[in-house]
Amino acid sequence: MEKVPSRMHPRMKREQKTVEYMIGIYCRDYHLTKGKLCDECHELVEYARLRLENCPFQENKTTCGNCPIHCYKPKMREKIRDIMRYAGPRMIWHHPFLAIRHMIDGLRKEPGSKQKK
């Protein structure tokens, strides 16, 4: 996997690593690659990285699936949704720490929503 830019918040770096690993699991199993991403999956990793770098919520964001702003283009959104549907359950075996943190992040409140005091 490629290095995540250092200017990103640690929360966003972790999110990027999680997405990269999910894409890697999917690519390995569906495109039968070994240790390297195919061109299509590499393009998706780069696209996801760009989306995360430009996310208006940054470290306060929930997971992308629960976000009120869908910044992925429809075609890319469908691809990443298929990948997460497949790789998400498998992450617990391959990368348990990232899988658990991703589940916890998914419980976060929607960014910008009013919380009761």
C-alpha atoms as a PDB file:
ATOM      1  CA  MET A   1       0.000   0.000   0.000  1.00  0.00           C
ATOM      2  CA  GLU A   2       1.141   3.520  -0.679  1.00  0.00           C
ATOM      3  CA  LYS A   3       2.122   6.063   1.917  1.00  0.00           C
ATOM      4  CA  VAL A   4      -0.657   8.321   3.194  1.00  0.00           C
ATOM      5  CA  PRO A   5       0.138  12.076   3.053  1.00  0.00           C
ATOM      6  CA  SER A   6       1.404  13.351   6.413  1.00  0.00           C
ATOM      7  CA  ARG A   7      -0.677  16.545   6.375  1.00  0.00           C
ATOM      8  CA  MET A   8      -3.818  14.534   7.028  1.00  0.00           C
ATOM      9  CA  HIS A   9      -5.220  14.200  10.540  1.00  0.00           C
ATOM     10  CA  PRO A  10      -4.415  10.791  12.130  1.00  0.00           C
ATOM     11  CA  ARG A  11      -8.122   9.901  11.976  1.00  0.00           C
ATOM     12  CA  MET A  12      -8.136  10.518   8.228  1.00  0.00           C
ATOM     13  CA  LYS A  13      -4.886   8.573   7.745  1.00  0.00           C
ATOM     14  CA  ARG A  14      -6.515   5.607   9.458  1.00  0.00           C
ATOM     15  CA  GLU A  15      -9.597   5.949   7.257  1.00  0.00           C
ATOM     16  CA  GLN A  16      -7.367   5.998   4.168  1.00  0.00           C
ATOM     17  CA  LYS A  17      -5.494   2.882   5.300  1.00  0.00           C
ATOM     18  CA  THR A  18      -8.797   1.105   5.943  1.00  0.00           C
ATOM     19  CA  VAL A  19     -10.085   1.920   2.451  1.00  0.00           C
ATOM     20  CA  GLU A  20      -6.793   0.844   0.866  1.00  0.00           C
ATOM     21  CA  TYR A  21      -6.810  -2.474   2.683  1.00  0.00           C
ATOM     22  CA  MET A  22     -10.435  -3.107   1.742  1.00  0.00           C
ATOM     23  CA  ILE A  23      -9.667  -2.415  -1.902  1.00  0.00           C
ATOM     24  CA  GLY A  24      -6.608  -4.677  -1.622  1.00  0.00           C
ATOM     25  CA  ILE A  25      -8.684  -7.584  -0.265  1.00  0.00           C
ATOM     26  CA  TYR A  26     -11.252  -7.139  -3.012  1.00  0.00           C
ATOM     27  CA  CYS A  27      -8.651  -6.844  -5.770  1.00  0.00           C
ATOM     28  CA  ARG A  28      -6.768  -9.913  -4.561  1.00  0.00           C
ATOM     29  CA  ASP A  29      -9.926 -12.047  -4.490  1.00  0.00           C
ATOM     30  CA  TYR A  30     -11.800 -10.702  -7.534  1.00  0.00           C
ATOM     31  CA  HIS A  31      -9.000  -9.696  -9.867  1.00  0.00           C
ATOM     32  CA  LEU A  32      -6.638 -12.445  -8.667  1.00  0.00           C
ATOM     33  CA  THR A  33      -3.754 -10.084  -8.027  1.00  0.00           C
ATOM     34  CA  LYS A  34      -0.952 -10.985  -5.653  1.00  0.00           C
ATOM     35  CA  GLY A  35       0.390  -8.157  -3.515  1.00  0.00           C
ATOM     36  CA  LYS A  36      -0.229  -5.471  -6.121  1.00  0.00           C
ATOM     37  CA  LEU A  37      -3.417  -3.692  -7.156  1.00  0.00           C
ATOM     38  CA  CYS A  38      -4.738  -3.866 -10.698  1.00  0.00           C
ATOM     39  CA  ASP A  39      -5.000  -0.560 -12.579  1.00  0.00           C
ATOM     40  CA  GLU A  40      -8.738  -0.192 -11.881  1.00  0.00           C
ATOM     41  CA  CYS A  41      -8.309  -0.692  -8.130  1.00  0.00           C
ATOM     42  CA  HIS A  42      -5.232   1.542  -8.018  1.00  0.00           C
ATOM     43  CA  GLU A  43      -7.300   4.281  -9.665  1.00  0.00           C
ATOM     44  CA  LEU A  44      -9.995   3.815  -7.017  1.00  0.00           C
ATOM     45  CA  VAL A  45      -7.417   4.073  -4.190  1.00  0.00           C
ATOM     46  CA  GLU A  46      -6.152   7.352  -5.632  1.00  0.00           C
ATOM     47  CA  TYR A  47      -9.706   8.645  -6.049  1.00  0.00           C
ATOM     48  CA  ALA A  48     -10.585   7.728  -2.452  1.00  0.00           C
ATOM     49  CA  ARG A  49      -7.408   9.409  -1.187  1.00  0.00           C
ATOM     50  CA  LEU A  50      -8.312  12.614  -3.010  1.00  0.00           C
ATOM     51  CA  ARG A  51     -11.855  12.517  -1.610  1.00  0.00           C
ATOM     52  CA  LEU A  52     -10.554  12.057   1.950  1.00  0.00           C
ATOM     53  CA  GLU A  53      -7.979  14.825   1.579  1.00  0.00           C
ATOM     54  CA  ASN A  54     -10.749  17.199   0.493  1.00  0.00           C
ATOM     55  CA  CYS A  55     -13.380  16.051   2.982  1.00  0.00           C
ATOM     56  CA  PRO A  56     -14.930  19.138   4.631  1.00  0.00           C
ATOM     57  CA  PHE A  57     -15.440  17.261   7.929  1.00  0.00           C
ATOM     58  CA  GLN A  58     -11.912  15.799   8.282  1.00  0.00           C
ATOM     59  CA  GLU A  59     -11.381  14.231  11.721  1.00  0.00           C
ATOM     60  CA  ASN A  60     -15.005  14.915  12.717  1.00  0.00           C
ATOM     61  CA  LYS A  61     -16.440  12.813   9.900  1.00  0.00           C
ATOM     62  CA  THR A  62     -18.334   9.599  10.282  1.00  0.00           C
ATOM     63  CA  THR A  63     -17.700   6.784   7.817  1.00  0.00           C
ATOM     64  CA  CYS A  64     -18.368   7.736   4.205  1.00  0.00           C
ATOM     65  CA  GLY A  65     -21.423   5.474   4.075  1.00  0.00           C
ATOM     66  CA  ASN A  66     -23.057   7.517   6.856  1.00  0.00           C
ATOM     67  CA  CYS A  67     -21.952  10.926   5.608  1.00  0.00           C
ATOM     68  CA  PRO A  68     -24.588  13.515   4.598  1.00  0.00           C
ATOM     69  CA  ILE A  69     -22.405  14.620   1.661  1.00  0.00           C
ATOM     70  CA  HIS A  70     -21.720  12.036  -1.005  1.00  0.00           C
ATOM     71  CA  CYS A  71     -18.621  13.343  -2.719  1.00  0.00           C
ATOM     72  CA  TYR A  72     -17.954  10.220  -4.809  1.00  0.00           C
ATOM     73  CA  LYS A  73     -19.194  10.254  -8.393  1.00  0.00           C
ATOM     74  CA  PRO A  74     -22.019   7.727  -8.837  1.00  0.00           C
ATOM     75  CA  LYS A  75     -19.855   5.196 -10.729  1.00  0.00           C
ATOM     76  CA  MET A  76     -17.056   5.341  -8.141  1.00  0.00           C
ATOM     77  CA  ARG A  77     -19.560   5.281  -5.290  1.00  0.00           C
ATOM     78  CA  GLU A  78     -21.064   2.055  -6.633  1.00  0.00           C
ATOM     79  CA  LYS A  79     -17.587   0.507  -6.972  1.00  0.00           C
ATOM     80  CA  ILE A  80     -16.556   1.398  -3.431  1.00  0.00           C
ATOM     81  CA  ARG A  81     -19.904   0.204  -2.086  1.00  0.00           C
ATOM     82  CA  ASP A  82     -19.397  -3.209  -3.757  1.00  0.00           C
ATOM     83  CA  ILE A  83     -15.849  -3.392  -2.404  1.00  0.00           C
ATOM     84  CA  MET A  84     -16.895  -2.518   1.141  1.00  0.00           C
ATOM     85  CA  ARG A  85     -19.775  -4.974   1.025  1.00  0.00           C
ATOM     86  CA  TYR A  86     -17.308  -7.731   0.129  1.00  0.00           C
ATOM     87  CA  ALA A  87     -14.180  -6.713   2.043  1.00  0.00           C
ATOM     88  CA  GLY A  88     -15.790  -5.195   5.147  1.00  0.00           C
ATOM     89  CA  PRO A  89     -16.629  -8.515   6.827  1.00  0.00           C
ATOM     90  CA  ARG A  90     -13.222  -9.932   5.853  1.00  0.00           C
ATOM     91  CA  MET A  91     -11.340  -7.022   7.426  1.00  0.00           C
ATOM     92  CA  ILE A  92     -11.833  -8.492  10.906  1.00  0.00           C
ATOM     93  CA  TRP A  93      -9.559 -11.408   9.928  1.00  0.00           C
ATOM     94  CA  HIS A  94      -6.975  -9.434   7.960  1.00  0.00           C
ATOM     95  CA  HIS A  95      -6.833  -6.140   9.867  1.00  0.00           C
ATOM     96  CA  PRO A  96      -8.839  -6.458  13.106  1.00  0.00           C
ATOM     97  CA  PHE A  97      -7.717  -3.136  14.630  1.00  0.00           C
ATOM     98  CA  LEU A  98      -8.738  -1.146  11.560  1.00  0.00           C
ATOM     99  CA  ALA A  99     -12.007  -3.087  11.260  1.00  0.00           C
ATOM    100  CA  ILE A 100     -12.993  -2.377  14.864  1.00  0.00           C
ATOM    101  CA  ARG A 101     -12.038   1.297  14.605  1.00  0.00           C
ATOM    102  CA  HIS A 102     -14.047   1.566  11.369  1.00  0.00           C
ATOM    103  CA  MET A 103     -17.096   0.094  13.126  1.00  0.00           C
ATOM    104  CA  ILE A 104     -16.665   2.576  15.995  1.00  0.00           C
ATOM    105  CA  ASP A 105     -16.280   5.467  13.540  1.00  0.00           C
ATOM    106  CA  GLY A 106     -19.537   4.361  11.920  1.00  0.00           C
ATOM    107  CA  LEU A 107     -21.301   5.021  15.229  1.00  0.00           C
ATOM    108  CA  ARG A 108     -20.260   8.677  15.213  1.00  0.00           C
ATOM    109  CA  LYS A 109     -22.960  11.290  14.896  1.00  0.00           C
ATOM    110  CA  GLU A 110     -23.466  12.807  11.492  1.00  0.00           C
ATOM    111  CA  PRO A 111     -21.098  15.805  11.160  1.00  0.00           C
ATOM    112  CA  GLY A 112     -22.877  19.081  11.681  1.00  0.00           C
ATOM    113  CA  SER A 113     -25.899  17.504  13.358  1.00  0.00           C
ATOM    114  CA  LYS A 114     -27.176  19.113  16.535  1.00  0.00           C
ATOM    115  CA  GLN A 115     -26.502  17.095  19.661  1.00  0.00           C
ATOM    116  CA  LYS A 116     -28.797  17.360  22.675  1.00  0.00           C
ATOM    117  CA  LYS A 117     -27.256  18.992  25.697  1.00  0.00           C
END
